[in-house]
N, C-alpha and C. Protein backbone atom coordinates (compact mmCIF):
# COMPACT_ATOMS: atom_id res chain seq x y z
N MET A 1 -3.44 24.03 -0.83
CA MET A 1 -4.60 23.10 0.04
C MET A 1 -3.97 21.55 -0.37
N LEU A 2 -4.14 21.18 0.81
CA LEU A 2 -3.39 19.51 0.77
C LEU A 2 -4.45 18.45 0.13
N GLU A 3 -3.50 17.40 -0.64
CA GLU A 3 -4.37 16.56 -1.22
C GLU A 3 -4.67 15.10 -0.06
N TYR A 4 -5.72 14.98 0.10
CA TYR A 4 -6.27 13.89 0.55
C TYR A 4 -7.14 13.25 -0.13
N ARG A 5 -7.34 11.94 0.13
CA ARG A 5 -8.03 10.58 -0.35
C ARG A 5 -8.93 10.00 0.92
N PHE A 6 -9.95 9.36 0.25
CA PHE A 6 -10.44 8.70 1.16
C PHE A 6 -10.97 7.51 0.48
N GLU A 7 -10.63 6.33 1.46
CA GLU A 7 -10.80 4.82 1.03
C GLU A 7 -11.76 4.24 1.87
N ARG A 8 -12.78 3.80 0.93
CA ARG A 8 -13.84 3.24 2.41
C ARG A 8 -13.29 2.04 2.73
N GLU A 9 -13.66 1.79 3.81
CA GLU A 9 -13.29 0.37 4.76
C GLU A 9 -14.40 0.03 5.26
N CYS A 10 -15.61 0.13 5.47
CA CYS A 10 -16.71 -0.52 5.61
C CYS A 10 -17.64 0.28 5.29
N ARG A 11 -19.03 0.14 5.29
CA ARG A 11 -20.59 0.49 4.83
C ARG A 11 -21.50 -0.28 5.40
N THR A 12 -22.55 0.37 5.80
CA THR A 12 -23.86 -0.48 6.49
C THR A 12 -24.40 0.27 5.75
N GLN A 13 -26.29 0.10 6.17
CA GLN A 13 -27.45 0.33 5.95
C GLN A 13 -27.17 2.03 6.49
N HIS A 14 -27.14 2.39 7.60
CA HIS A 14 -26.57 3.66 7.93
C HIS A 14 -25.52 4.05 8.35
N SER A 15 -24.22 3.60 8.34
CA SER A 15 -23.11 4.35 8.18
C SER A 15 -22.28 3.91 7.34
N GLU A 16 -20.99 4.80 7.43
CA GLU A 16 -19.84 4.02 6.55
C GLU A 16 -18.59 4.77 7.57
N SER A 17 -17.21 4.28 6.95
CA SER A 17 -16.04 4.60 7.67
C SER A 17 -14.94 4.66 6.54
N TYR A 18 -14.34 5.47 6.32
CA TYR A 18 -13.45 5.64 5.43
C TYR A 18 -11.96 6.07 6.51
N SER A 19 -10.85 5.65 5.25
CA SER A 19 -9.58 6.10 5.92
C SER A 19 -9.18 6.99 5.10
N ILE A 20 -8.47 8.19 5.82
CA ILE A 20 -7.71 9.61 5.21
C ILE A 20 -6.56 9.16 5.06
N THR A 21 -6.08 9.61 3.42
CA THR A 21 -4.54 9.40 3.23
C THR A 21 -4.20 10.79 2.70
N GLU A 22 -3.01 10.91 3.05
CA GLU A 22 -2.43 12.18 2.48
C GLU A 22 -0.76 11.85 2.13
N GLU A 23 -0.95 12.21 0.94
CA GLU A 23 0.57 11.56 0.07
C GLU A 23 0.37 10.29 0.43
N GLY A 24 -0.21 9.11 0.02
CA GLY A 24 -0.17 7.34 0.50
C GLY A 24 -0.17 7.26 1.78
N ARG A 25 0.17 8.27 2.61
CA ARG A 25 0.11 7.59 4.38
C ARG A 25 -1.38 7.84 4.79
N LYS A 26 -1.67 7.23 5.84
CA LYS A 26 -2.78 7.13 6.52
C LYS A 26 -2.80 8.39 7.53
N ILE A 27 -3.74 9.40 7.42
CA ILE A 27 -3.38 10.18 8.51
C ILE A 27 -4.59 10.65 9.52
N GLY A 28 -5.50 9.71 9.11
CA GLY A 28 -7.09 9.66 9.83
C GLY A 28 -8.07 9.13 9.54
N ARG A 29 -9.21 9.04 9.73
CA ARG A 29 -10.36 8.53 9.60
C ARG A 29 -11.75 9.19 10.04
N ILE A 30 -13.00 9.06 9.20
CA ILE A 30 -14.12 9.36 9.35
C ILE A 30 -14.93 8.42 9.52
N ASP A 31 -16.03 8.58 10.49
CA ASP A 31 -16.93 7.51 10.40
C ASP A 31 -18.23 8.59 10.26
N LEU A 32 -18.88 8.13 9.72
CA LEU A 32 -20.62 9.02 9.07
C LEU A 32 -21.52 7.96 9.44
N HIS A 33 -22.75 8.68 10.16
CA HIS A 33 -23.49 7.88 10.75
C HIS A 33 -25.09 8.88 10.24
N PHE A 34 -25.97 7.97 9.62
CA PHE A 34 -27.00 8.44 8.64
C PHE A 34 -27.91 8.42 9.57
N THR A 35 -28.96 9.48 9.96
CA THR A 35 -30.22 9.45 10.74
C THR A 35 -31.05 9.78 9.88
N TYR A 36 -32.07 10.47 10.16
CA TYR A 36 -33.95 10.84 9.03
C TYR A 36 -33.29 11.78 8.38
N ASP A 37 -32.71 13.31 9.17
CA ASP A 37 -32.30 13.89 8.15
C ASP A 37 -30.62 14.92 8.46
N VAL A 38 -29.89 13.87 9.10
CA VAL A 38 -28.96 15.01 9.81
C VAL A 38 -27.83 13.95 9.39
N VAL A 39 -26.50 13.68 8.93
CA VAL A 39 -25.59 13.19 8.94
C VAL A 39 -24.61 13.72 10.40
N GLU A 40 -24.15 12.33 10.85
CA GLU A 40 -23.08 12.71 12.27
C GLU A 40 -21.98 12.44 11.70
N GLY A 41 -20.62 13.06 11.97
CA GLY A 41 -19.31 12.27 11.90
C GLY A 41 -18.63 12.72 13.25
N SER A 42 -17.79 11.29 12.82
CA SER A 42 -16.63 11.67 13.64
C SER A 42 -15.17 11.42 13.12
N LEU A 43 -14.34 12.64 13.20
CA LEU A 43 -12.88 12.78 12.24
C LEU A 43 -12.08 12.73 13.70
N VAL A 44 -10.97 11.42 13.35
CA VAL A 44 -9.99 11.47 13.94
C VAL A 44 -8.83 11.93 12.85
N ILE A 45 -8.23 13.01 13.29
CA ILE A 45 -6.81 13.58 12.99
C ILE A 45 -5.92 13.72 13.78
N PRO A 46 -4.56 13.96 13.25
CA PRO A 46 -2.94 14.07 13.96
C PRO A 46 -3.16 15.17 14.34
N GLU A 47 -2.85 15.75 15.41
CA GLU A 47 -2.72 16.73 15.91
C GLU A 47 -2.38 18.13 15.71
N ARG A 48 -1.11 17.84 14.73
CA ARG A 48 -0.26 18.35 13.85
C ARG A 48 -1.54 19.45 12.63
N LEU A 49 -2.72 19.24 12.32
CA LEU A 49 -3.20 20.10 11.68
C LEU A 49 -3.99 21.17 12.29
N THR A 50 -3.80 22.25 11.70
CA THR A 50 -4.35 23.91 11.85
C THR A 50 -5.75 23.96 11.54
N SER A 51 -6.64 24.49 12.30
CA SER A 51 -7.85 25.01 12.36
C SER A 51 -8.23 25.13 10.83
N GLU A 52 -7.41 25.69 9.94
CA GLU A 52 -7.72 25.88 8.97
C GLU A 52 -7.76 24.88 7.94
N GLU A 53 -6.72 23.70 8.36
CA GLU A 53 -6.71 22.44 7.40
C GLU A 53 -8.17 21.60 7.74
N ILE A 54 -8.45 21.57 9.02
CA ILE A 54 -9.58 21.00 9.44
C ILE A 54 -10.61 21.10 8.96
N ASP A 55 -10.68 22.66 9.01
CA ASP A 55 -12.07 23.55 8.06
C ASP A 55 -12.06 22.87 6.59
N GLU A 56 -10.95 22.69 6.01
CA GLU A 56 -11.05 22.27 4.79
C GLU A 56 -11.19 20.90 4.62
N LEU A 57 -10.74 20.35 5.24
CA LEU A 57 -10.66 18.51 5.38
C LEU A 57 -12.13 18.22 5.69
N VAL A 58 -12.89 19.04 6.56
CA VAL A 58 -14.76 18.74 6.98
C VAL A 58 -15.20 19.52 5.48
N GLN A 59 -15.09 20.36 4.65
CA GLN A 59 -15.52 20.65 3.47
C GLN A 59 -15.42 19.68 2.52
N LEU A 60 -13.98 19.40 2.67
CA LEU A 60 -13.81 18.33 1.37
C LEU A 60 -14.71 16.89 1.59
N ILE A 61 -14.88 16.69 3.06
CA ILE A 61 -16.00 15.54 3.33
C ILE A 61 -16.99 15.55 2.83
N ASP A 62 -17.73 16.77 2.97
CA ASP A 62 -18.81 17.32 2.84
C ASP A 62 -19.37 17.08 1.28
N GLN A 63 -18.17 17.84 0.59
CA GLN A 63 -18.55 17.53 -0.85
C GLN A 63 -18.55 16.48 -1.26
N GLU A 64 -17.15 15.46 -1.00
CA GLU A 64 -17.08 14.40 -1.83
C GLU A 64 -17.57 13.13 -1.13
N LEU A 65 -18.04 12.96 -0.08
CA LEU A 65 -18.49 11.91 0.59
C LEU A 65 -19.79 11.77 0.80
N LEU A 66 -20.46 12.86 1.02
CA LEU A 66 -21.84 13.06 1.19
C LEU A 66 -23.05 12.99 0.33
N PRO A 67 -22.55 13.68 -0.79
CA PRO A 67 -23.63 13.30 -1.99
C PRO A 67 -23.75 12.01 -2.54
N SER A 68 -22.57 11.13 -2.62
CA SER A 68 -22.33 9.98 -2.71
C SER A 68 -23.30 8.74 -1.88
N SER A 69 -23.61 9.54 -0.55
CA SER A 69 -24.56 8.28 0.12
C SER A 69 -26.00 8.52 -0.28
N GLY A 70 -26.36 9.49 -1.13
CA GLY A 70 -27.51 9.65 -1.50
C GLY A 70 -28.69 10.27 -0.06
N VAL A 71 -28.09 10.13 0.74
CA VAL A 71 -29.15 10.45 1.99
C VAL A 71 -29.33 12.27 2.20
N PRO A 72 -30.59 12.54 2.08
CA PRO A 72 -30.89 13.79 2.07
C PRO A 72 -30.75 14.50 3.53
N ARG A 73 -29.85 15.64 3.37
CA ARG A 73 -29.74 16.21 4.92
C ARG A 73 -30.07 17.31 5.47
N THR A 74 -30.53 17.98 6.53
CA THR A 74 -30.61 19.21 6.97
C THR A 74 -29.54 19.69 7.66
N ASP A 75 -28.82 19.09 8.10
CA ASP A 75 -27.51 19.27 8.79
C ASP A 75 -26.59 18.38 8.93
N PHE A 76 -25.15 18.79 9.10
CA PHE A 76 -23.76 17.88 8.94
C PHE A 76 -22.90 18.17 10.02
N ILE A 77 -22.89 17.69 11.34
CA ILE A 77 -22.43 17.91 12.67
C ILE A 77 -21.12 16.79 12.47
N VAL A 78 -20.08 17.15 12.81
CA VAL A 78 -19.00 16.51 12.60
C VAL A 78 -18.34 16.88 14.00
N ASN A 79 -17.65 15.63 14.87
CA ASN A 79 -17.31 15.97 16.29
C ASN A 79 -15.71 15.42 15.84
N VAL A 80 -14.76 16.54 15.93
CA VAL A 80 -12.96 16.65 15.62
C VAL A 80 -12.52 15.73 16.93
N PHE A 81 -11.39 14.79 16.59
CA PHE A 81 -10.53 14.46 17.56
C PHE A 81 -9.41 14.52 17.04
N ALA A 82 -8.40 15.07 17.79
CA ALA A 82 -7.03 15.05 17.14
C ALA A 82 -6.19 14.19 18.18
N GLY A 83 -5.30 13.66 17.79
CA GLY A 83 -4.34 12.76 18.74
C GLY A 83 -3.31 11.99 17.74
N ARG A 84 -2.99 10.66 18.03
CA ARG A 84 -2.42 10.07 17.61
C ARG A 84 -2.78 8.26 17.92
N GLU A 85 -2.60 7.71 16.50
CA GLU A 85 -3.22 6.01 16.61
C GLU A 85 -2.15 5.48 17.41
N VAL A 86 -2.87 4.92 18.11
CA VAL A 86 -2.07 3.70 19.36
C VAL A 86 -1.69 2.36 18.60
N GLY A 87 -2.87 2.04 18.03
CA GLY A 87 -2.97 0.71 17.32
C GLY A 87 -4.45 0.26 16.88
N ILE A 88 -4.29 -1.09 16.43
CA ILE A 88 -6.00 -1.62 15.64
C ILE A 88 -5.84 -3.06 16.38
N PHE A 89 -6.67 -3.26 17.30
CA PHE A 89 -7.34 -4.17 18.32
C PHE A 89 -8.13 -5.27 17.74
N SER A 90 -8.05 -6.53 17.49
CA SER A 90 -9.43 -7.38 17.00
C SER A 90 -9.20 -8.81 17.89
N ASP A 91 -10.15 -9.29 18.06
CA ASP A 91 -10.50 -10.72 18.58
C ASP A 91 -9.29 -11.33 18.64
N GLU A 92 -8.12 -11.87 17.35
CA GLU A 92 -7.49 -12.25 17.24
C GLU A 92 -5.97 -11.73 18.16
N ASP A 93 -5.84 -10.59 18.77
CA ASP A 93 -4.69 -9.86 19.25
C ASP A 93 -5.39 -10.53 20.81
N PHE A 94 -6.48 -10.81 21.15
CA PHE A 94 -6.87 -11.27 22.89
C PHE A 94 -6.55 -12.69 22.65
N GLU A 95 -6.93 -13.44 21.52
CA GLU A 95 -7.06 -15.14 21.54
C GLU A 95 -5.05 -15.46 21.90
N GLN A 96 -4.64 -14.96 21.32
CA GLN A 96 -2.91 -15.33 21.84
C GLN A 96 -2.51 -15.09 23.21
N GLU A 97 -2.54 -16.37 23.36
CA GLU A 97 -1.66 -16.84 24.86
C GLU A 97 -0.44 -16.52 25.08
N ASP A 98 0.24 -16.93 23.59
CA ASP A 98 1.84 -17.42 23.74
C ASP A 98 2.62 -15.80 24.28
N GLU A 99 2.61 -14.77 23.55
CA GLU A 99 3.08 -13.75 23.50
C GLU A 99 1.90 -12.27 23.48
N PRO A 100 2.32 -11.54 25.16
CA PRO A 100 1.43 -10.29 24.66
C PRO A 100 1.49 -9.43 23.91
N THR A 101 0.54 -8.55 23.35
CA THR A 101 0.39 -7.74 21.99
C THR A 101 -0.25 -6.59 22.37
N ASN A 102 0.48 -5.52 22.08
CA ASN A 102 -0.54 -4.29 22.27
C ASN A 102 -1.06 -3.88 21.06
N GLY A 103 -1.40 -4.89 20.21
CA GLY A 103 -2.13 -4.63 18.69
C GLY A 103 -1.21 -4.38 17.65
N ARG A 104 -2.38 -4.23 16.51
CA ARG A 104 -1.34 -4.36 15.17
C ARG A 104 -0.57 -2.78 15.09
N THR A 105 0.50 -2.47 14.77
CA THR A 105 0.79 -1.56 14.37
C THR A 105 0.31 -0.54 12.99
N PRO A 106 -0.28 0.54 13.13
CA PRO A 106 -1.14 0.84 11.71
C PRO A 106 -0.10 0.66 10.44
């Protein structure tokens, strides 16, 4: 089993976002949204992960992140997106008129 770590990036009253790292490298992200009795997740991972590795990662998220939220749930629904990160964009990127930018490289 691979060693994944989760680093919380932000938290609101009804959601949390975590970076997922493997051996110190960022490899993905999970956004969790808490409704009355269902937790919905959006998982973004690299295309290279196998179905078995994705299953293990979702189970690890369920075991490590959901209990700490304190939200009782009847279901955990995860949408998984596989691909590559293109960049991180913010207002600062669009305010710079001197030189064009494609966002910050992760």
